[in-house]
C-alpha cells in the first residue's frame, strides 16, 4: 500500500445554487434562524460572509449545545454541504471543531437523489485538498454508500473535469486495493462492478465520445473536452497498472459479475485490463 503525499496548501472554491439568493440572505439575517440553519444557507448560497464569520457561527452553534453532525430535512449534515461547496477552509474549520468526517446522508426527502443515501463527505469530494483533509481527520476510504459505491467509485462515476481526475489519481495512489477492487464486499451495488472495471469502463466511455461528437455536429464543440478527460483517465489507469498486484487484479476481474454487459463493454474491459498488465 502506498501513501499519497500530504497536501500543504488549501484553496477556496465555492459554488452557487438555484435557490433564491434574497431568500437565503433574509434567512441568514433572521433572528429566528438557528446557527445551524444560517451555516447551511451560507454554505449553499455564499454571500459576503468571511471565513471568520463562519468560524464564529460554528462556535455559537457549539455554545448552544448544537450538533455539527445533525442532518437537515434533506438528510445532509454540515460536512456534506461544506465538501460539496468545495471550500477547504470551511471543511477544515468544521473538522477542527469536531465534526464527524464519516457522517452519513440519511434517507430523508431524497427521492430525486437516492444515490446520495449512505454517502459520507468523502463521497462528495472533488478537490484534492479537501480529500486529503478528510483522510487526515479519519475519513474512511472504504466507506460504502447505500448503492454500494466507495468514494473512489463515485468520483469515477461523476468525473467531469481535471479536478475530478486529480482526486481519482489521489485515491489510486493512496490505496491500491481501493483503486482495483474497491472493497471486500460481494455486493457492489450497480451490478457488482469493481473499482478497476469501473475505471476502465469510464475511460472507454470518454474515449468513445470524441468519435460520437465528430459524427454529431451539435457535439463537436465538446470533442476536445472529451479527449482531455479520456487522456487523464488513461493516465490514471497506467498509474494503477504499475503497482497492481496479481491477486487484486484477479479479485477485481473475477468479481465482475457474469451477468453484466453494460453497453457491450465487458469484452473490451477485459481486453483493456489485460493490455495494461502485460
Foldseek 3Di string as FASTA:
>chain_A
DFADDADDDADFAFDEDPPDLVVLVCLLPDPPRQLQSNLLSCLHHPDPDDVVNNLVSLVVCVVVVHAQLDADQQQDGSLLSNQLRRGQSSNLSCLVSPHDQARARDNGNPPVPQVRGQDGSLLNHLAPNNNSSSVVSPHDQLRQGPQQAGSLLSLLVPPQDVSSLVVNLNSCNHDLLCQQASDPDLRRGPQQQGNLLSLLVSLVVLVCVLVVLVVPVVNNVCNVSSVVVSVSSVVSNLVSLVPDDPVSNCNNLVSRDPPDQVVNCNVVSVVVSVVSND
